[in-house]
Amino acid sequence: MIELEKTILSDDIKDEFFVCDVIKCKGACCVEGDLGAPLEDDELTILDEVLEQVVPYLTAEAKKIIKKHGAYILDEDDEYSTPTIYGKECVYAIYDDKGILKCAIEQAYNDGKITFQKPISCHLYPIRTKQYEQFTAINYDRWNICSPACHKGQELQIPLYKFLKTPLIRKFGQDWYDKLENHLNPATIPTRQDL
């Protein structure tokens, strides 16, 4: 375990290698699982605000689901998440011409229509965070659909925390990330033998 400010990280964050390989997985994390993407409280208002700009990117089925249930739902875990299409893909998932699932919210962001990139839980994936009273737990959510990403990360020797640098900074700040890097890669202090 790594303790840093008010966060506790599992060792997997530094020990495991990971680089998304969407050509192989086809964006399976947008469709697999029991629920949609977890949402933070402040993201609910944001989704309401950007929905009009995101809707044109959505499938007809996704539009029907959102019209019926809204931009987000209170899920079976009593937490807010994105709705899904009949318990499968996230309503904001769209297929590109190669059959790869992508995020409609992120596409609207990339097209300059909105300033919200996508829910932080999606941006951080496969890291999941859980807020406790005294600290935030940061864990690696390991499952078989990400096997190609693990192989690619191993091949490129990129640890999970480096692959997810941008979303980690988005969530916890640059100062926090710099402290994490310093903790994991302390400067070498010369010893007598080095002099």
N, C-alpha and C. Protein backbone atom coordinates (compact mmCIF):
# COMPACT_ATOMS: atom_id res chain seq x y z
N MET A 1 0.83 -1.19 0.00
CA MET A 1 0.00 0.00 0.00
C MET A 1 0.87 1.26 0.00
N ILE A 2 0.41 2.26 -0.69
CA ILE A 2 1.12 3.53 -0.76
C ILE A 2 0.21 4.59 -0.15
N GLU A 3 0.68 5.27 0.88
CA GLU A 3 -0.09 6.35 1.49
C GLU A 3 0.46 7.68 1.02
N LEU A 4 -0.42 8.51 0.49
CA LEU A 4 -0.02 9.80 -0.04
C LEU A 4 -1.13 10.81 0.24
N GLU A 5 -0.81 11.77 1.09
CA GLU A 5 -1.80 12.76 1.52
C GLU A 5 -3.05 12.02 2.01
N LYS A 6 -4.21 12.30 1.45
CA LYS A 6 -5.43 11.63 1.91
C LYS A 6 -5.86 10.52 0.94
N THR A 7 -4.86 9.87 0.33
CA THR A 7 -5.14 8.75 -0.57
C THR A 7 -4.33 7.54 -0.14
N ILE A 8 -4.89 6.36 -0.40
CA ILE A 8 -4.17 5.11 -0.20
C ILE A 8 -4.27 4.33 -1.51
N LEU A 9 -3.12 4.03 -2.10
CA LEU A 9 -3.07 3.36 -3.39
C LEU A 9 -2.62 1.92 -3.20
N SER A 10 -3.21 1.01 -3.96
CA SER A 10 -2.74 -0.37 -3.95
C SER A 10 -1.41 -0.43 -4.69
N ASP A 11 -0.57 -1.38 -4.32
CA ASP A 11 0.74 -1.52 -4.95
C ASP A 11 0.64 -1.82 -6.44
N ASP A 12 -0.51 -2.37 -6.88
CA ASP A 12 -0.70 -2.67 -8.30
C ASP A 12 -0.50 -1.43 -9.17
N ILE A 13 -0.80 -0.28 -8.62
CA ILE A 13 -0.71 0.97 -9.39
C ILE A 13 0.71 1.19 -9.91
N LYS A 14 1.69 0.77 -9.12
CA LYS A 14 3.08 0.92 -9.56
C LYS A 14 3.66 -0.36 -10.14
N ASP A 15 3.14 -1.51 -9.72
CA ASP A 15 3.73 -2.79 -10.10
C ASP A 15 3.22 -3.35 -11.42
N GLU A 16 1.99 -3.01 -11.79
CA GLU A 16 1.40 -3.57 -13.01
C GLU A 16 1.62 -2.65 -14.20
N PHE A 17 1.81 -3.28 -15.35
CA PHE A 17 2.00 -2.55 -16.60
C PHE A 17 0.68 -2.53 -17.37
N PHE A 18 0.42 -1.41 -18.06
CA PHE A 18 -0.89 -1.26 -18.71
C PHE A 18 -0.84 -0.18 -19.77
N VAL A 19 -1.31 -0.49 -20.96
CA VAL A 19 -1.52 0.49 -22.03
C VAL A 19 -2.73 0.01 -22.83
N CYS A 20 -3.81 0.80 -22.85
CA CYS A 20 -5.02 0.39 -23.56
C CYS A 20 -4.70 -0.01 -25.00
N ASP A 21 -5.35 -1.08 -25.44
CA ASP A 21 -5.17 -1.58 -26.80
C ASP A 21 -6.56 -1.76 -27.41
N VAL A 22 -7.22 -0.64 -27.76
CA VAL A 22 -8.61 -0.69 -28.21
C VAL A 22 -8.79 -1.42 -29.54
N ILE A 23 -7.72 -1.55 -30.30
CA ILE A 23 -7.83 -2.31 -31.55
C ILE A 23 -8.18 -3.76 -31.22
N LYS A 24 -7.63 -4.26 -30.10
CA LYS A 24 -7.88 -5.66 -29.71
C LYS A 24 -9.12 -5.82 -28.84
N CYS A 25 -9.33 -4.92 -27.89
CA CYS A 25 -10.45 -5.09 -26.96
C CYS A 25 -11.74 -4.49 -27.49
N LYS A 26 -11.65 -3.61 -28.50
CA LYS A 26 -12.82 -2.96 -29.12
C LYS A 26 -13.60 -2.07 -28.16
N GLY A 27 -12.95 -1.62 -27.06
CA GLY A 27 -13.63 -0.75 -26.11
C GLY A 27 -14.61 -1.50 -25.22
N ALA A 28 -14.25 -2.75 -24.89
CA ALA A 28 -15.15 -3.63 -24.12
C ALA A 28 -15.55 -3.06 -22.77
N CYS A 29 -14.73 -2.18 -22.18
CA CYS A 29 -15.07 -1.63 -20.85
C CYS A 29 -16.31 -0.75 -20.91
N CYS A 30 -16.72 -0.33 -22.12
CA CYS A 30 -17.94 0.48 -22.26
C CYS A 30 -19.20 -0.38 -22.34
N VAL A 31 -19.02 -1.70 -22.44
CA VAL A 31 -20.18 -2.58 -22.60
C VAL A 31 -20.23 -3.69 -21.55
N GLU A 32 -19.09 -4.12 -21.05
CA GLU A 32 -19.06 -5.21 -20.07
C GLU A 32 -19.39 -4.69 -18.67
N GLY A 33 -19.83 -5.56 -17.81
CA GLY A 33 -20.14 -5.18 -16.43
C GLY A 33 -21.63 -5.08 -16.21
N ASP A 34 -22.00 -4.91 -14.96
CA ASP A 34 -23.41 -4.92 -14.58
C ASP A 34 -24.06 -3.54 -14.66
N LEU A 35 -23.26 -2.49 -14.52
CA LEU A 35 -23.80 -1.14 -14.43
C LEU A 35 -23.07 -0.21 -15.39
N GLY A 36 -23.60 1.01 -15.53
CA GLY A 36 -22.91 2.01 -16.33
C GLY A 36 -21.72 2.59 -15.57
N ALA A 37 -21.14 3.63 -16.12
CA ALA A 37 -19.97 4.26 -15.50
C ALA A 37 -20.36 4.99 -14.22
N PRO A 38 -19.62 4.77 -13.12
CA PRO A 38 -19.89 5.52 -11.88
C PRO A 38 -19.70 7.02 -12.11
N LEU A 39 -20.56 7.82 -11.48
CA LEU A 39 -20.49 9.27 -11.62
C LEU A 39 -20.29 9.93 -10.27
N GLU A 40 -19.51 11.01 -10.28
CA GLU A 40 -19.34 11.81 -9.07
C GLU A 40 -20.48 12.83 -9.01
N ASP A 41 -20.77 13.30 -7.81
CA ASP A 41 -21.91 14.21 -7.62
C ASP A 41 -21.86 15.43 -8.53
N ASP A 42 -20.69 16.05 -8.67
CA ASP A 42 -20.59 17.25 -9.50
C ASP A 42 -20.77 16.95 -10.98
N GLU A 43 -20.60 15.69 -11.38
CA GLU A 43 -20.75 15.33 -12.79
C GLU A 43 -22.22 15.25 -13.21
N LEU A 44 -23.12 15.12 -12.25
CA LEU A 44 -24.54 15.05 -12.58
C LEU A 44 -25.01 16.35 -13.22
N THR A 45 -24.64 17.46 -12.61
CA THR A 45 -24.99 18.77 -13.16
C THR A 45 -24.33 18.97 -14.52
N ILE A 46 -23.07 18.56 -14.61
CA ILE A 46 -22.34 18.72 -15.88
C ILE A 46 -23.03 17.94 -16.99
N LEU A 47 -23.42 16.70 -16.71
CA LEU A 47 -24.10 15.89 -17.74
C LEU A 47 -25.41 16.55 -18.18
N ASP A 48 -26.14 17.10 -17.22
CA ASP A 48 -27.37 17.82 -17.58
C ASP A 48 -27.05 19.00 -18.51
N GLU A 49 -25.95 19.69 -18.22
CA GLU A 49 -25.59 20.88 -18.99
C GLU A 49 -25.10 20.55 -20.40
N VAL A 50 -24.39 19.44 -20.57
CA VAL A 50 -23.80 19.11 -21.88
C VAL A 50 -24.67 18.18 -22.72
N LEU A 51 -25.73 17.67 -22.15
CA LEU A 51 -26.54 16.65 -22.83
C LEU A 51 -27.01 17.08 -24.22
N GLU A 52 -27.45 18.31 -24.35
CA GLU A 52 -27.96 18.79 -25.64
C GLU A 52 -26.89 18.70 -26.73
N GLN A 53 -25.63 18.96 -26.36
CA GLN A 53 -24.55 18.90 -27.35
C GLN A 53 -24.10 17.45 -27.62
N VAL A 54 -24.34 16.55 -26.68
CA VAL A 54 -23.92 15.16 -26.82
C VAL A 54 -24.96 14.32 -27.57
N VAL A 55 -26.23 14.64 -27.40
CA VAL A 55 -27.31 13.83 -27.99
C VAL A 55 -27.14 13.58 -29.49
N PRO A 56 -26.71 14.55 -30.30
CA PRO A 56 -26.57 14.27 -31.74
C PRO A 56 -25.60 13.12 -32.06
N TYR A 57 -24.69 12.80 -31.15
CA TYR A 57 -23.73 11.72 -31.38
C TYR A 57 -24.30 10.34 -31.04
N LEU A 58 -25.42 10.31 -30.32
CA LEU A 58 -25.94 9.06 -29.77
C LEU A 58 -26.76 8.26 -30.77
N THR A 59 -26.88 6.96 -30.48
CA THR A 59 -27.73 6.09 -31.28
C THR A 59 -29.19 6.39 -30.95
N ALA A 60 -30.08 5.95 -31.83
CA ALA A 60 -31.51 6.15 -31.60
C ALA A 60 -31.95 5.46 -30.32
N GLU A 61 -31.41 4.27 -30.05
CA GLU A 61 -31.77 3.52 -28.85
C GLU A 61 -31.32 4.26 -27.60
N ALA A 62 -30.09 4.80 -27.63
CA ALA A 62 -29.56 5.56 -26.49
C ALA A 62 -30.43 6.79 -26.22
N LYS A 63 -30.86 7.45 -27.27
CA LYS A 63 -31.72 8.64 -27.11
C LYS A 63 -33.03 8.27 -26.42
N LYS A 64 -33.60 7.11 -26.79
CA LYS A 64 -34.85 6.66 -26.15
C LYS A 64 -34.64 6.39 -24.67
N ILE A 65 -33.53 5.75 -24.33
CA ILE A 65 -33.23 5.41 -22.93
C ILE A 65 -33.06 6.70 -22.11
N ILE A 66 -32.32 7.66 -22.67
CA ILE A 66 -32.09 8.92 -21.96
C ILE A 66 -33.40 9.71 -21.82
N LYS A 67 -34.22 9.67 -22.84
CA LYS A 67 -35.52 10.37 -22.76
C LYS A 67 -36.37 9.78 -21.64
N LYS A 68 -36.27 8.47 -21.46
CA LYS A 68 -37.07 7.79 -20.44
C LYS A 68 -36.47 7.93 -19.04
N HIS A 69 -35.14 7.78 -18.93
CA HIS A 69 -34.49 7.71 -17.60
C HIS A 69 -33.66 8.95 -17.24
N GLY A 70 -33.30 9.76 -18.22
CA GLY A 70 -32.46 10.92 -17.96
C GLY A 70 -30.99 10.65 -18.28
N ALA A 71 -30.15 11.65 -18.03
CA ALA A 71 -28.73 11.58 -18.37
C ALA A 71 -27.94 10.64 -17.46
N TYR A 72 -28.53 10.29 -16.31
CA TYR A 72 -27.88 9.40 -15.33
C TYR A 72 -28.97 8.75 -14.51
N ILE A 73 -28.61 7.69 -13.81
CA ILE A 73 -29.58 6.97 -12.98
C ILE A 73 -28.99 6.71 -11.59
N LEU A 74 -29.87 6.48 -10.64
CA LEU A 74 -29.46 6.00 -9.33
C LEU A 74 -29.49 4.48 -9.44
N ASP A 75 -28.31 3.85 -9.41
CA ASP A 75 -28.23 2.42 -9.73
C ASP A 75 -28.52 1.53 -8.53
N GLU A 76 -28.40 0.24 -8.75
CA GLU A 76 -28.75 -0.75 -7.70
C GLU A 76 -27.81 -0.69 -6.50
N ASP A 77 -26.66 -0.06 -6.66
CA ASP A 77 -25.74 0.12 -5.53
C ASP A 77 -26.02 1.42 -4.79
N ASP A 78 -27.14 2.10 -5.17
CA ASP A 78 -27.53 3.37 -4.57
C ASP A 78 -26.50 4.46 -4.84
N GLU A 79 -25.89 4.39 -6.02
CA GLU A 79 -24.93 5.40 -6.47
C GLU A 79 -25.34 5.82 -7.88
N TYR A 80 -24.89 7.00 -8.28
CA TYR A 80 -25.24 7.47 -9.62
C TYR A 80 -24.29 6.88 -10.66
N SER A 81 -24.86 6.53 -11.81
CA SER A 81 -24.07 6.01 -12.91
C SER A 81 -24.75 6.36 -14.22
N THR A 82 -24.04 6.13 -15.31
CA THR A 82 -24.65 6.34 -16.62
C THR A 82 -25.64 5.22 -16.88
N PRO A 83 -26.73 5.51 -17.57
CA PRO A 83 -27.66 4.44 -17.93
C PRO A 83 -26.99 3.50 -18.95
N THR A 84 -27.56 2.30 -19.06
CA THR A 84 -27.08 1.36 -20.08
C THR A 84 -28.22 1.01 -21.01
N ILE A 85 -27.86 0.45 -22.13
CA ILE A 85 -28.87 -0.01 -23.09
C ILE A 85 -29.14 -1.48 -22.79
N TYR A 86 -30.27 -1.72 -22.13
CA TYR A 86 -30.69 -3.08 -21.77
C TYR A 86 -29.61 -3.86 -21.03
N GLY A 87 -28.95 -3.18 -20.08
CA GLY A 87 -27.95 -3.85 -19.25
C GLY A 87 -26.65 -4.15 -19.96
N LYS A 88 -26.44 -3.54 -21.12
CA LYS A 88 -25.20 -3.79 -21.87
C LYS A 88 -24.40 -2.50 -21.97
N GLU A 89 -24.19 -2.00 -23.19
CA GLU A 89 -23.31 -0.84 -23.33
C GLU A 89 -23.88 0.43 -22.70
N CYS A 90 -22.98 1.27 -22.27
CA CYS A 90 -23.31 2.59 -21.75
C CYS A 90 -24.06 3.37 -22.83
N VAL A 91 -25.05 4.16 -22.45
CA VAL A 91 -25.81 4.93 -23.45
C VAL A 91 -24.94 5.91 -24.21
N TYR A 92 -23.81 6.28 -23.62
CA TYR A 92 -22.92 7.24 -24.29
C TYR A 92 -21.88 6.56 -25.18
N ALA A 93 -21.94 5.24 -25.28
CA ALA A 93 -21.01 4.51 -26.13
C ALA A 93 -21.49 4.55 -27.58
N ILE A 94 -20.57 4.81 -28.47
CA ILE A 94 -20.88 4.81 -29.91
C ILE A 94 -19.82 3.99 -30.63
N TYR A 95 -20.22 3.34 -31.70
CA TYR A 95 -19.29 2.53 -32.48
C TYR A 95 -18.69 3.37 -33.60
N ASP A 96 -17.38 3.23 -33.81
CA ASP A 96 -16.77 3.89 -34.96
C ASP A 96 -16.86 2.95 -36.17
N ASP A 97 -16.28 3.36 -37.28
CA ASP A 97 -16.39 2.55 -38.51
C ASP A 97 -15.61 1.25 -38.45
N LYS A 98 -14.79 1.06 -37.40
CA LYS A 98 -14.05 -0.20 -37.23
C LYS A 98 -14.68 -1.09 -36.17
N GLY A 99 -15.86 -0.70 -35.69
CA GLY A 99 -16.54 -1.49 -34.69
C GLY A 99 -16.00 -1.33 -33.28
N ILE A 100 -15.25 -0.24 -33.06
CA ILE A 100 -14.68 0.03 -31.74
C ILE A 100 -15.60 1.00 -31.00
N LEU A 101 -15.90 0.65 -29.75
CA LEU A 101 -16.74 1.53 -28.93
C LEU A 101 -15.94 2.74 -28.47
N LYS A 102 -16.53 3.89 -28.60
CA LYS A 102 -15.93 5.13 -28.13
C LYS A 102 -16.98 5.90 -27.34
N CYS A 103 -16.58 6.99 -26.73
CA CYS A 103 -17.48 7.76 -25.87
C CYS A 103 -18.02 8.98 -26.63
N ALA A 104 -19.35 9.09 -26.69
CA ALA A 104 -19.98 10.23 -27.36
C ALA A 104 -19.65 11.54 -26.65
N ILE A 105 -19.54 11.47 -25.32
CA ILE A 105 -19.18 12.68 -24.56
C ILE A 105 -17.79 13.14 -24.98
N GLU A 106 -16.87 12.19 -25.04
CA GLU A 106 -15.50 12.54 -25.42
C GLU A 106 -15.43 13.01 -26.87
N GLN A 107 -16.26 12.44 -27.73
CA GLN A 107 -16.27 12.88 -29.12
C GLN A 107 -16.75 14.33 -29.23
N ALA A 108 -17.77 14.67 -28.45
CA ALA A 108 -18.25 16.06 -28.44
C ALA A 108 -17.16 16.98 -27.90
N TYR A 109 -16.42 16.50 -26.90
CA TYR A 109 -15.29 17.26 -26.34
C TYR A 109 -14.21 17.46 -27.41
N ASN A 110 -13.83 16.36 -28.09
CA ASN A 110 -12.80 16.44 -29.13
C ASN A 110 -13.21 17.35 -30.27
N ASP A 111 -14.51 17.43 -30.54
CA ASP A 111 -15.02 18.30 -31.61
C ASP A 111 -15.20 19.74 -31.16
N GLY A 112 -14.84 20.04 -29.89
CA GLY A 112 -14.93 21.40 -29.38
C GLY A 112 -16.34 21.85 -29.02
N LYS A 113 -17.26 20.92 -28.90
CA LYS A 113 -18.65 21.27 -28.57
C LYS A 113 -18.84 21.51 -27.07
N ILE A 114 -18.04 20.82 -26.24
CA ILE A 114 -18.16 20.92 -24.78
C ILE A 114 -16.75 20.96 -24.17
N THR A 115 -16.67 21.34 -22.90
CA THR A 115 -15.36 21.39 -22.22
C THR A 115 -15.18 20.25 -21.23
N PHE A 116 -16.18 19.40 -21.09
CA PHE A 116 -16.12 18.23 -20.20
C PHE A 116 -15.68 17.03 -21.03
N GLN A 117 -14.54 16.42 -20.66
CA GLN A 117 -14.00 15.36 -21.50
C GLN A 117 -14.81 14.07 -21.43
N LYS A 118 -15.07 13.60 -20.22
CA LYS A 118 -15.88 12.40 -19.97
C LYS A 118 -15.87 12.16 -18.48
N PRO A 119 -16.74 11.28 -17.96
CA PRO A 119 -16.71 11.03 -16.52
C PRO A 119 -15.32 10.59 -16.06
N ILE A 120 -14.92 11.05 -14.90
CA ILE A 120 -13.58 10.74 -14.40
C ILE A 120 -13.39 9.24 -14.19
N SER A 121 -14.46 8.53 -13.86
CA SER A 121 -14.32 7.07 -13.66
C SER A 121 -13.91 6.39 -14.97
N CYS A 122 -14.39 6.91 -16.09
CA CYS A 122 -14.00 6.35 -17.40
C CYS A 122 -12.57 6.74 -17.74
N HIS A 123 -12.22 7.98 -17.45
CA HIS A 123 -10.88 8.47 -17.76
C HIS A 123 -9.82 7.74 -16.94
N LEU A 124 -10.15 7.40 -15.71
CA LEU A 124 -9.21 6.71 -14.82
C LEU A 124 -9.14 5.19 -15.05
N TYR A 125 -10.11 4.65 -15.75
CA TYR A 125 -10.19 3.19 -15.85
C TYR A 125 -8.90 2.61 -16.45
N PRO A 126 -8.34 1.52 -15.86
CA PRO A 126 -8.90 0.55 -14.93
C PRO A 126 -8.68 0.84 -13.45
N ILE A 127 -8.34 2.08 -13.12
CA ILE A 127 -8.29 2.44 -11.71
C ILE A 127 -9.71 2.81 -11.26
N ARG A 128 -10.06 2.34 -10.08
CA ARG A 128 -11.32 2.71 -9.46
C ARG A 128 -11.00 3.39 -8.13
N THR A 129 -11.74 4.44 -7.81
CA THR A 129 -11.54 5.13 -6.54
C THR A 129 -12.78 4.94 -5.67
N LYS A 130 -12.57 4.93 -4.38
CA LYS A 130 -13.68 4.83 -3.43
C LYS A 130 -13.39 5.81 -2.29
N GLN A 131 -14.35 6.67 -2.04
CA GLN A 131 -14.20 7.69 -1.01
C GLN A 131 -14.64 7.14 0.34
N TYR A 132 -13.76 7.21 1.31
CA TYR A 132 -14.08 6.87 2.69
C TYR A 132 -14.04 8.16 3.50
N GLU A 133 -14.39 8.08 4.76
CA GLU A 133 -14.46 9.29 5.58
C GLU A 133 -13.11 9.99 5.68
N GLN A 134 -12.04 9.24 5.88
CA GLN A 134 -10.72 9.82 6.11
C GLN A 134 -9.79 9.83 4.90
N PHE A 135 -10.11 9.04 3.87
CA PHE A 135 -9.18 8.92 2.74
C PHE A 135 -9.92 8.42 1.50
N THR A 136 -9.22 8.50 0.35
CA THR A 136 -9.71 7.93 -0.90
C THR A 136 -8.87 6.71 -1.23
N ALA A 137 -9.52 5.58 -1.46
CA ALA A 137 -8.81 4.36 -1.87
C ALA A 137 -8.70 4.36 -3.39
N ILE A 138 -7.50 3.99 -3.87
CA ILE A 138 -7.23 3.95 -5.30
C ILE A 138 -6.76 2.52 -5.62
N ASN A 139 -7.59 1.80 -6.39
CA ASN A 139 -7.30 0.40 -6.67
C ASN A 139 -7.35 0.09 -8.15
N TYR A 140 -6.63 -0.95 -8.53
CA TYR A 140 -6.61 -1.44 -9.89
C TYR A 140 -7.75 -2.46 -10.04
N ASP A 141 -8.67 -2.20 -10.96
CA ASP A 141 -9.80 -3.09 -11.21
C ASP A 141 -9.40 -4.05 -12.34
N ARG A 142 -8.89 -5.19 -11.95
CA ARG A 142 -8.32 -6.14 -12.92
C ARG A 142 -9.40 -7.11 -13.42
N TRP A 143 -9.52 -7.24 -14.75
CA TRP A 143 -10.37 -8.29 -15.30
C TRP A 143 -9.92 -8.63 -16.70
N ASN A 144 -10.42 -9.76 -17.21
CA ASN A 144 -9.88 -10.36 -18.43
C ASN A 144 -10.04 -9.51 -19.68
N ILE A 145 -11.02 -8.63 -19.75
CA ILE A 145 -11.18 -7.85 -20.99
C ILE A 145 -9.98 -6.92 -21.24
N CYS A 146 -9.21 -6.65 -20.19
CA CYS A 146 -8.05 -5.77 -20.33
C CYS A 146 -6.73 -6.54 -20.54
N SER A 147 -6.82 -7.84 -20.80
CA SER A 147 -5.60 -8.62 -21.03
C SER A 147 -4.72 -8.03 -22.14
N PRO A 148 -5.30 -7.60 -23.28
CA PRO A 148 -4.45 -6.99 -24.31
C PRO A 148 -3.69 -5.76 -23.80
N ALA A 149 -4.34 -4.96 -22.94
CA ALA A 149 -3.70 -3.77 -22.38
C ALA A 149 -2.55 -4.15 -21.45
N CYS A 150 -2.73 -5.24 -20.71
CA CYS A 150 -1.66 -5.71 -19.81
C CYS A 150 -0.46 -6.17 -20.63
N HIS A 151 -0.73 -6.91 -21.71
CA HIS A 151 0.37 -7.39 -22.57
C HIS A 151 1.10 -6.23 -23.23
N LYS A 152 0.33 -5.26 -23.73
CA LYS A 152 0.95 -4.10 -24.39
C LYS A 152 1.76 -3.28 -23.39
N GLY A 153 1.21 -3.09 -22.19
CA GLY A 153 1.93 -2.35 -21.15
C GLY A 153 3.22 -3.04 -20.76
N GLN A 154 3.18 -4.37 -20.65
CA GLN A 154 4.37 -5.15 -20.32
C GLN A 154 5.42 -5.00 -21.42
N GLU A 155 4.96 -5.09 -22.65
CA GLU A 155 5.85 -4.97 -23.81
C GLU A 155 6.54 -3.60 -23.83
N LEU A 156 5.77 -2.56 -23.51
CA LEU A 156 6.31 -1.19 -23.54
C LEU A 156 6.91 -0.75 -22.22
N GLN A 157 6.72 -1.60 -21.17
CA GLN A 157 7.24 -1.30 -19.83
C GLN A 157 6.70 0.02 -19.27
N ILE A 158 5.37 0.18 -19.39
CA ILE A 158 4.72 1.39 -18.88
C ILE A 158 3.83 1.00 -17.71
N PRO A 159 4.20 1.43 -16.49
CA PRO A 159 3.36 1.13 -15.33
C PRO A 159 2.01 1.84 -15.40
N LEU A 160 1.05 1.27 -14.73
CA LEU A 160 -0.31 1.79 -14.73
C LEU A 160 -0.37 3.27 -14.35
N TYR A 161 0.36 3.67 -13.30
CA TYR A 161 0.28 5.07 -12.86
C TYR A 161 0.84 6.03 -13.91
N LYS A 162 1.77 5.58 -14.74
CA LYS A 162 2.30 6.45 -15.79
C LYS A 162 1.33 6.52 -16.97
N PHE A 163 0.72 5.38 -17.30
CA PHE A 163 -0.25 5.38 -18.38
C PHE A 163 -1.43 6.31 -18.04
N LEU A 164 -1.81 6.34 -16.78
CA LEU A 164 -2.96 7.14 -16.35
C LEU A 164 -2.56 8.49 -15.74
N LYS A 165 -1.42 9.00 -16.11
CA LYS A 165 -0.93 10.27 -15.57
C LYS A 165 -1.95 11.40 -15.74
N THR A 166 -2.46 11.59 -16.94
CA THR A 166 -3.38 12.71 -17.20
C THR A 166 -4.65 12.63 -16.36
N PRO A 167 -5.36 11.48 -16.33
CA PRO A 167 -6.55 11.44 -15.48
C PRO A 167 -6.24 11.50 -13.99
N LEU A 168 -5.09 10.97 -13.56
CA LEU A 168 -4.72 11.08 -12.15
C LEU A 168 -4.50 12.54 -11.77
N ILE A 169 -3.88 13.30 -12.66
CA ILE A 169 -3.69 14.73 -12.41
C ILE A 169 -5.05 15.44 -12.42
N ARG A 170 -5.91 15.05 -13.35
CA ARG A 170 -7.25 15.64 -13.41
C ARG A 170 -8.00 15.42 -12.09
N LYS A 171 -7.87 14.23 -11.53
CA LYS A 171 -8.61 13.88 -10.31
C LYS A 171 -7.95 14.46 -9.05
N PHE A 172 -6.63 14.31 -8.93
CA PHE A 172 -5.96 14.64 -7.66
C PHE A 172 -5.03 15.85 -7.73
N GLY A 173 -4.72 16.35 -8.92
CA GLY A 173 -3.88 17.53 -9.06
C GLY A 173 -2.43 17.21 -9.41
N GLN A 174 -1.77 18.20 -10.01
CA GLN A 174 -0.37 18.04 -10.44
C GLN A 174 0.56 17.83 -9.25
N ASP A 175 0.33 18.58 -8.18
CA ASP A 175 1.19 18.47 -7.00
C ASP A 175 1.13 17.06 -6.41
N TRP A 176 -0.08 16.51 -6.33
CA TRP A 176 -0.26 15.14 -5.83
C TRP A 176 0.49 14.15 -6.71
N TYR A 177 0.34 14.31 -8.03
CA TYR A 177 1.00 13.36 -8.95
C TYR A 177 2.53 13.48 -8.85
N ASP A 178 3.03 14.70 -8.73
CA ASP A 178 4.48 14.88 -8.57
C ASP A 178 4.98 14.18 -7.31
N LYS A 179 4.21 14.29 -6.23
CA LYS A 179 4.59 13.60 -4.99
C LYS A 179 4.56 12.09 -5.17
N LEU A 180 3.57 11.59 -5.91
CA LEU A 180 3.50 10.15 -6.19
C LEU A 180 4.73 9.70 -6.96
N GLU A 181 5.08 10.44 -8.00
CA GLU A 181 6.28 10.07 -8.78
C GLU A 181 7.53 10.12 -7.93
N ASN A 182 7.66 11.15 -7.09
CA ASN A 182 8.83 11.25 -6.21
C ASN A 182 8.87 10.10 -5.22
N HIS A 183 7.70 9.69 -4.73
CA HIS A 183 7.63 8.57 -3.79
C HIS A 183 8.04 7.26 -4.46
N LEU A 184 7.59 7.07 -5.71
CA LEU A 184 7.86 5.82 -6.41
C LEU A 184 9.24 5.79 -7.06
N ASN A 185 9.78 6.96 -7.33
CA ASN A 185 11.10 7.06 -7.98
C ASN A 185 11.97 8.06 -7.22
N PRO A 186 12.32 7.75 -5.97
CA PRO A 186 13.11 8.72 -5.20
C PRO A 186 14.45 9.01 -5.87
N ALA A 187 14.87 10.26 -5.76
CA ALA A 187 16.17 10.63 -6.32
C ALA A 187 17.25 9.78 -5.67
N THR A 188 18.20 9.37 -6.45
CA THR A 188 19.28 8.55 -5.91
C THR A 188 20.21 9.43 -5.09
N ILE A 189 20.41 9.03 -3.86
CA ILE A 189 21.33 9.75 -2.97
C ILE A 189 22.68 9.06 -3.08
N PRO A 190 23.73 9.79 -3.44
CA PRO A 190 25.03 9.13 -3.62
C PRO A 190 25.55 8.54 -2.30
N THR A 191 26.12 7.39 -2.41
CA THR A 191 26.75 6.74 -1.25
C THR A 191 28.25 6.92 -1.38
N ARG A 192 28.99 6.52 -0.34
CA ARG A 192 30.45 6.62 -0.38
C ARG A 192 31.04 5.92 -1.60
N GLN A 193 30.42 4.76 -1.92
CA GLN A 193 30.94 3.99 -3.06
C GLN A 193 30.75 4.72 -4.36
N ASP A 194 29.73 5.61 -4.44
CA ASP A 194 29.49 6.35 -5.68
C ASP A 194 30.46 7.52 -5.84
N LEU A 195 31.04 7.98 -4.73
CA LEU A 195 31.91 9.17 -4.79
C LEU A 195 33.30 8.84 -5.28
